[in-house]
N, C-alpha and C. Protein backbone atom coordinates (compact mmCIF):
# COMPACT_ATOMS: atom_id res chain seq x y z
N UNK A 1 139.20 11.79 22.36
CA UNK A 1 138.33 12.32 23.39
C UNK A 1 138.81 11.83 24.88
N UNK A 2 139.03 10.46 24.54
CA UNK A 2 139.39 9.71 25.81
C UNK A 2 140.77 10.36 26.29
N UNK A 3 141.78 10.77 25.78
CA UNK A 3 142.95 11.44 26.14
C UNK A 3 142.44 13.02 26.59
N UNK A 4 141.46 13.67 26.22
CA UNK A 4 141.25 14.89 26.72
C UNK A 4 140.70 14.65 28.19
N UNK A 5 139.93 13.71 28.50
CA UNK A 5 139.14 13.17 29.71
C UNK A 5 140.23 13.04 30.52
N UNK A 6 141.26 12.26 30.34
CA UNK A 6 142.37 11.84 30.72
C UNK A 6 143.02 12.79 31.42
N UNK A 7 143.56 13.78 30.57
CA UNK A 7 144.26 15.14 31.08
C UNK A 7 143.33 15.92 31.97
N UNK A 8 142.11 16.08 31.46
CA UNK A 8 141.28 16.78 32.57
C UNK A 8 141.43 16.33 34.03
N UNK A 9 141.27 14.80 34.15
CA UNK A 9 141.40 14.43 35.32
C UNK A 9 142.44 14.24 36.21
N UNK A 10 143.75 14.24 35.24
CA UNK A 10 144.90 14.49 35.82
C UNK A 10 145.22 15.75 36.47
N UNK A 11 144.68 16.99 35.62
CA UNK A 11 144.79 18.38 35.97
C UNK A 11 143.80 18.57 37.34
N UNK A 12 142.60 17.93 37.30
CA UNK A 12 141.77 17.90 38.79
C UNK A 12 142.53 17.39 39.77
N UNK A 13 143.13 16.13 39.61
CA UNK A 13 143.79 15.65 40.55
C UNK A 13 144.89 16.40 41.29
N UNK A 14 145.68 17.05 40.29
CA UNK A 14 146.78 17.87 40.67
C UNK A 14 146.17 19.17 41.35
N UNK A 15 145.22 19.65 41.15
CA UNK A 15 144.71 20.92 41.68
C UNK A 15 144.05 20.24 43.07
N UNK A 16 143.53 19.22 43.11
CA UNK A 16 143.05 18.65 44.41
C UNK A 16 144.13 18.34 45.56
N UNK A 17 145.35 18.06 44.74
CA UNK A 17 146.64 17.77 45.62
C UNK A 17 146.94 19.15 46.01
N UNK A 18 146.98 20.16 45.31
CA UNK A 18 147.52 21.64 45.72
C UNK A 18 146.56 22.04 46.87
N UNK A 19 145.49 21.88 46.68
CA UNK A 19 144.74 22.05 47.85
C UNK A 19 144.83 21.71 49.21
N UNK A 20 144.77 20.30 48.80
CA UNK A 20 145.26 19.26 50.20
C UNK A 20 146.28 19.90 51.02
N UNK A 21 147.38 19.99 50.20
CA UNK A 21 148.60 20.45 50.68
C UNK A 21 148.61 21.70 51.47
N UNK A 22 147.89 23.01 50.97
CA UNK A 22 147.50 23.96 51.38
C UNK A 22 146.97 23.67 52.87
N UNK A 23 145.80 23.23 52.41
CA UNK A 23 145.08 22.93 53.67
C UNK A 23 145.64 22.32 54.96
N UNK A 24 146.50 21.38 54.60
CA UNK A 24 147.44 20.51 55.69
C UNK A 24 148.45 21.38 56.57
N UNK A 25 149.12 22.45 55.48
CA UNK A 25 150.35 23.16 55.90
C UNK A 25 149.73 24.47 56.38
N UNK A 26 148.80 25.07 56.41
CA UNK A 26 148.62 26.52 56.57
C UNK A 26 148.31 26.47 58.38
N UNK A 27 148.78 27.69 58.78
CA UNK A 27 148.95 27.80 60.23
C UNK A 27 147.58 28.10 61.06
N UNK A 28 146.52 28.57 60.14
CA UNK A 28 145.48 29.34 60.95
C UNK A 28 144.33 29.21 59.69
N UNK A 29 143.15 29.35 60.03
CA UNK A 29 142.23 29.76 59.05
C UNK A 29 142.39 30.96 58.26
N UNK A 30 142.09 30.96 57.07
CA UNK A 30 142.53 32.22 56.44
C UNK A 30 142.05 31.98 55.03
N UNK A 31 142.18 33.08 54.12
CA UNK A 31 141.53 33.22 52.79
C UNK A 31 142.61 31.99 51.87
N UNK A 32 141.83 31.65 50.88
CA UNK A 32 142.40 30.81 50.09
C UNK A 32 143.26 31.39 49.13
N UNK A 33 144.52 31.12 48.80
CA UNK A 33 145.68 32.08 48.00
C UNK A 33 144.90 32.05 46.66
N UNK A 34 145.13 33.25 46.06
CA UNK A 34 144.72 33.44 44.63
C UNK A 34 145.35 32.22 43.64
N UNK A 35 146.54 32.14 44.11
CA UNK A 35 146.93 31.01 42.98
C UNK A 35 146.16 29.40 42.90
N UNK A 36 145.46 29.32 44.01
CA UNK A 36 144.66 28.21 44.36
C UNK A 36 143.49 28.40 43.40
N UNK A 37 142.89 29.42 43.69
CA UNK A 37 141.53 30.30 43.05
C UNK A 37 142.04 29.92 41.59
N UNK A 38 143.07 30.48 41.15
CA UNK A 38 143.32 30.55 39.57
C UNK A 38 143.22 29.03 39.24
N UNK A 39 144.06 28.19 39.86
CA UNK A 39 144.09 26.79 39.38
C UNK A 39 142.60 26.21 39.25
N UNK A 40 141.49 26.52 40.52
CA UNK A 40 140.32 25.99 40.36
C UNK A 40 139.65 26.52 39.04
N UNK A 41 139.55 27.63 38.82
CA UNK A 41 138.91 28.51 37.99
C UNK A 41 139.63 27.98 36.39
N UNK A 42 140.85 27.70 36.36
CA UNK A 42 141.20 27.02 35.29
C UNK A 42 140.68 25.58 34.58
N UNK A 43 139.90 25.02 35.71
CA UNK A 43 139.47 23.81 35.28
C UNK A 43 138.03 23.82 34.98
N UNK A 44 137.39 25.19 34.86
CA UNK A 44 135.91 25.35 34.60
C UNK A 44 135.65 24.85 33.16
N UNK A 45 136.45 24.94 32.38
CA UNK A 45 136.09 24.53 30.67
C UNK A 45 135.86 22.99 30.55
N UNK A 46 136.30 22.15 31.71
CA UNK A 46 136.34 20.61 31.45
C UNK A 46 135.36 20.15 32.66
N UNK A 47 134.97 20.85 33.57
CA UNK A 47 134.23 20.31 34.62
C UNK A 47 133.09 21.39 34.74
N UNK A 48 131.94 20.97 35.58
CA UNK A 48 130.84 21.85 35.94
C UNK A 48 131.40 22.49 37.43
N UNK A 49 130.57 23.60 37.57
CA UNK A 49 131.03 24.28 38.66
C UNK A 49 130.65 23.34 39.96
N UNK A 50 129.61 22.70 40.10
CA UNK A 50 129.14 21.82 40.95
C UNK A 50 130.26 20.56 41.27
N UNK A 51 130.81 19.92 39.75
CA UNK A 51 131.92 19.18 40.04
C UNK A 51 133.12 19.58 40.84
N UNK A 52 133.40 20.71 40.40
CA UNK A 52 134.89 21.45 40.93
C UNK A 52 134.52 21.96 42.25
N UNK A 53 133.52 22.30 42.85
CA UNK A 53 133.09 22.66 44.25
C UNK A 53 133.39 21.56 45.01
N UNK A 54 132.72 20.40 44.77
CA UNK A 54 132.78 19.18 45.40
C UNK A 54 134.14 18.51 45.59
N UNK A 55 134.77 18.58 44.55
CA UNK A 55 136.00 17.87 44.03
C UNK A 55 137.02 18.75 44.98
N UNK A 56 136.97 20.07 45.12
CA UNK A 56 137.90 20.82 45.67
C UNK A 56 137.58 21.48 47.08
N UNK A 57 136.39 21.11 47.40
CA UNK A 57 135.76 21.31 48.60
C UNK A 57 135.66 23.01 48.84
N UNK A 58 134.97 23.60 47.90
CA UNK A 58 134.94 25.00 47.88
C UNK A 58 133.75 25.42 47.71
N UNK A 59 133.25 26.65 48.02
CA UNK A 59 132.26 27.17 48.36
C UNK A 59 131.57 27.42 46.94
N UNK A 60 130.54 26.74 46.36
CA UNK A 60 129.90 26.95 45.00
C UNK A 60 129.63 28.19 44.79
N UNK A 61 128.98 29.12 45.56
CA UNK A 61 128.79 30.46 44.92
C UNK A 61 130.18 31.23 44.79
N UNK A 62 131.10 31.12 45.49
CA UNK A 62 132.23 31.60 45.33
C UNK A 62 133.10 31.30 44.10
N UNK A 63 133.23 30.16 44.04
CA UNK A 63 133.51 29.61 42.61
C UNK A 63 132.94 30.04 41.64
N UNK A 64 131.29 30.13 41.53
CA UNK A 64 130.75 30.43 40.35
C UNK A 64 131.14 31.85 39.93
N UNK A 65 131.11 32.80 40.96
CA UNK A 65 131.50 34.21 40.99
C UNK A 65 132.43 34.40 40.24
N UNK A 66 133.90 33.64 40.53
CA UNK A 66 135.06 33.90 40.30
C UNK A 66 135.22 33.39 38.86
N UNK A 67 134.23 32.33 38.21
CA UNK A 67 134.44 31.63 36.83
C UNK A 67 133.72 32.58 36.25
N UNK A 68 132.80 33.13 36.47
CA UNK A 68 131.92 34.26 35.70
C UNK A 68 132.70 35.56 35.62
N UNK A 69 133.42 35.89 36.50
CA UNK A 69 134.20 37.14 36.55
C UNK A 69 135.45 36.84 35.14
N UNK A 70 135.91 35.70 35.35
CA UNK A 70 136.64 35.65 34.29
C UNK A 70 136.23 35.51 32.70
N UNK A 71 135.15 34.85 32.64
CA UNK A 71 134.58 34.38 31.33
C UNK A 71 133.99 35.98 31.04
N UNK A 72 133.64 36.93 31.82
CA UNK A 72 132.95 38.11 31.26
C UNK A 72 134.07 39.25 30.92
N UNK A 73 135.14 38.85 31.42
CA UNK A 73 136.29 40.05 31.04
C UNK A 73 136.45 39.77 29.63
N UNK A 74 136.53 41.02 28.90
CA UNK A 74 136.47 41.20 27.62
C UNK A 74 137.74 40.57 26.79
N UNK A 75 138.93 41.06 27.61
CA UNK A 75 140.16 40.49 26.77
C UNK A 75 140.88 39.32 27.11
N UNK A 76 141.83 38.81 26.82
CA UNK A 76 142.73 37.54 27.12
C UNK A 76 143.32 37.98 28.48
N UNK A 77 143.74 39.11 28.52
CA UNK A 77 144.45 39.44 29.81
C UNK A 77 143.31 39.41 30.93
N UNK A 78 143.95 39.09 32.28
CA UNK A 78 143.11 39.01 33.51
C UNK A 78 142.69 40.12 33.63
N UNK A 79 141.15 40.28 34.40
CA UNK A 79 140.87 41.75 34.77
C UNK A 79 141.86 42.49 35.68
N UNK A 80 141.94 43.63 35.50
CA UNK A 80 142.94 44.60 36.03
C UNK A 80 142.18 45.69 36.85
N UNK A 81 142.46 46.32 38.00
CA UNK A 81 141.96 47.18 38.62
C UNK A 81 142.41 48.43 37.94
N UNK A 82 141.56 49.19 37.64
CA UNK A 82 141.98 50.65 37.08
C UNK A 82 142.20 51.85 37.91
N UNK A 83 143.07 52.67 37.79
CA UNK A 83 143.51 53.90 38.65
C UNK A 83 143.00 55.01 37.84
N UNK A 84 142.19 55.86 38.35
CA UNK A 84 141.61 57.06 37.66
C UNK A 84 142.30 58.16 38.72
N UNK A 85 143.21 59.05 37.93
CA UNK A 85 143.53 60.19 38.82
C UNK A 85 142.84 61.61 38.45
N UNK A 86 142.59 62.16 39.59
CA UNK A 86 141.78 63.32 39.82
C UNK A 86 142.73 64.38 40.22
N UNK A 87 142.21 65.86 39.60
CA UNK A 87 143.03 66.83 39.98
C UNK A 87 143.41 66.76 41.35
N UNK A 88 144.53 67.60 42.01
CA UNK A 88 144.78 67.65 43.34
C UNK A 88 143.89 68.77 43.97
N UNK A 89 143.55 68.29 45.04
CA UNK A 89 142.40 68.98 45.90
C UNK A 89 143.19 70.00 46.84
N UNK A 90 142.90 71.26 46.71
CA UNK A 90 143.58 72.05 47.62
C UNK A 90 142.56 72.76 48.82
N UNK A 91 142.53 71.83 49.83
CA UNK A 91 141.59 72.29 50.76
C UNK A 91 141.88 73.76 51.55
N UNK A 92 140.62 74.35 51.93
CA UNK A 92 140.94 75.62 52.78
C UNK A 92 141.37 75.18 54.15
N UNK A 93 141.91 76.10 54.93
CA UNK A 93 142.42 75.73 56.29
C UNK A 93 141.49 75.12 57.26
N UNK A 94 140.34 75.72 57.05
CA UNK A 94 139.17 75.10 57.87
C UNK A 94 138.25 74.06 57.31
N UNK A 95 139.02 73.13 56.58
CA UNK A 95 138.33 72.30 55.91
C UNK A 95 137.77 70.89 56.43
N UNK A 96 136.69 70.34 55.97
CA UNK A 96 136.09 69.29 56.72
C UNK A 96 136.57 68.01 55.85
N UNK A 97 136.65 67.04 56.37
CA UNK A 97 136.68 65.58 55.77
C UNK A 97 135.71 65.27 55.19
N UNK A 98 135.79 64.34 53.97
CA UNK A 98 134.70 63.75 53.12
C UNK A 98 135.18 62.36 52.71
N UNK A 99 134.32 61.52 52.94
CA UNK A 99 134.52 60.00 52.59
C UNK A 99 133.44 59.72 51.64
N UNK A 100 133.80 59.17 50.57
CA UNK A 100 132.78 58.43 49.71
C UNK A 100 133.29 57.29 49.08
N UNK A 101 132.27 56.54 48.86
CA UNK A 101 132.19 55.04 48.41
C UNK A 101 131.18 54.76 47.34
N UNK A 102 131.88 54.29 46.16
CA UNK A 102 131.00 54.27 44.81
C UNK A 102 131.13 52.68 44.61
N UNK A 103 130.01 52.27 44.25
CA UNK A 103 130.21 50.61 43.89
C UNK A 103 129.13 50.09 42.96
N UNK A 104 129.59 49.50 41.76
CA UNK A 104 128.78 49.02 40.97
C UNK A 104 129.19 47.46 40.81
N UNK A 105 128.51 46.56 40.07
CA UNK A 105 128.53 45.06 39.93
C UNK A 105 130.10 44.74 39.85
N UNK A 106 131.10 45.38 39.27
CA UNK A 106 132.19 45.04 38.89
C UNK A 106 133.36 46.09 39.69
N UNK A 107 133.08 47.03 40.23
CA UNK A 107 134.23 48.00 40.69
C UNK A 107 133.57 48.51 41.84
N UNK A 108 134.65 49.09 42.72
CA UNK A 108 134.40 49.85 43.84
C UNK A 108 135.44 50.72 43.84
N UNK A 109 134.90 51.92 44.47
CA UNK A 109 135.99 53.04 44.68
C UNK A 109 135.80 53.81 45.96
N UNK A 110 136.87 54.06 46.77
CA UNK A 110 136.70 54.83 48.16
C UNK A 110 137.36 56.04 48.00
N UNK A 111 136.91 56.99 48.53
CA UNK A 111 137.72 58.18 48.64
C UNK A 111 137.66 58.91 49.80
N UNK A 112 138.65 59.44 50.39
CA UNK A 112 138.87 60.17 51.48
C UNK A 112 139.54 61.38 51.20
N UNK A 113 139.04 62.52 51.43
CA UNK A 113 139.44 63.66 51.00
C UNK A 113 139.28 64.88 52.00
N UNK A 114 140.05 65.83 51.98
CA UNK A 114 139.79 66.98 53.06
C UNK A 114 139.47 68.34 52.08
N UNK A 115 138.45 68.73 52.16
CA UNK A 115 138.04 70.16 51.44
C UNK A 115 136.88 70.04 50.33
N UNK A 116 136.70 70.85 49.75
CA UNK A 116 135.58 70.69 48.77
C UNK A 116 135.90 70.02 47.62
N UNK A 117 134.98 68.71 46.90
CA UNK A 117 135.26 68.20 45.85
C UNK A 117 134.07 68.08 45.09
N UNK A 118 134.35 67.74 43.80
CA UNK A 118 133.37 67.89 42.89
C UNK A 118 132.70 66.62 42.65
N UNK A 119 131.80 66.24 43.54
CA UNK A 119 131.11 64.87 43.69
C UNK A 119 130.56 64.63 42.17
N UNK A 120 129.68 65.66 41.61
CA UNK A 120 129.23 65.33 40.27
C UNK A 120 130.01 64.47 39.39
N UNK A 121 131.10 65.12 39.29
CA UNK A 121 132.49 64.85 38.27
C UNK A 121 132.93 63.57 38.53
N UNK A 122 133.07 63.12 39.78
CA UNK A 122 133.71 61.81 40.55
C UNK A 122 132.56 60.92 39.97
N UNK A 123 131.33 61.08 40.29
CA UNK A 123 130.20 59.88 40.17
C UNK A 123 130.40 59.62 38.41
N UNK A 124 130.23 60.90 37.56
CA UNK A 124 130.38 60.84 36.16
C UNK A 124 131.36 59.92 35.79
N UNK A 125 132.46 60.30 36.34
CA UNK A 125 133.53 59.73 35.87
C UNK A 125 133.77 58.06 36.33
N UNK A 126 133.48 57.72 37.17
CA UNK A 126 133.11 56.56 37.85
C UNK A 126 132.34 55.69 37.20
N UNK A 127 131.07 55.96 36.74
CA UNK A 127 130.34 55.24 35.99
C UNK A 127 130.60 55.06 34.51
N UNK A 128 131.13 56.21 34.16
CA UNK A 128 131.61 55.91 32.54
C UNK A 128 132.89 55.05 32.46
N UNK A 129 133.42 54.73 33.39
CA UNK A 129 134.99 53.69 33.26
C UNK A 129 134.40 52.46 32.76
N UNK A 130 135.06 51.94 31.88
CA UNK A 130 134.59 50.64 31.29
C UNK A 130 135.25 49.70 31.96
N UNK A 131 134.69 48.66 32.61
CA UNK A 131 135.43 47.73 33.34
C UNK A 131 135.89 46.16 32.67
């Protein structure tokens, strides 16, 4: 048990050093790289969200959301974006442009098309997809 705690502490210190290096060397304020988020999330089994957010100086809610997303992912693989292909739309010459956005808790879809589209089929397909 003491060895496990020691390894967890070393891992946390390693990730803290990675965050520190990134913060020192970044040129401007910007998003935290995904590799650092992944490193922080990987420590969630050994530390509470509160401990991690304080140690790594991260927003508690953002860290919590990322950890919950990984825990709710049904497979061993990381969650991936799913591409849904729809039939080609053949717009009439005097077509109008249409923009649609669908969003649910774990997915988002944006569509920009010219011409008539079957909105009902799009919505049904979007909501029926397993995330």
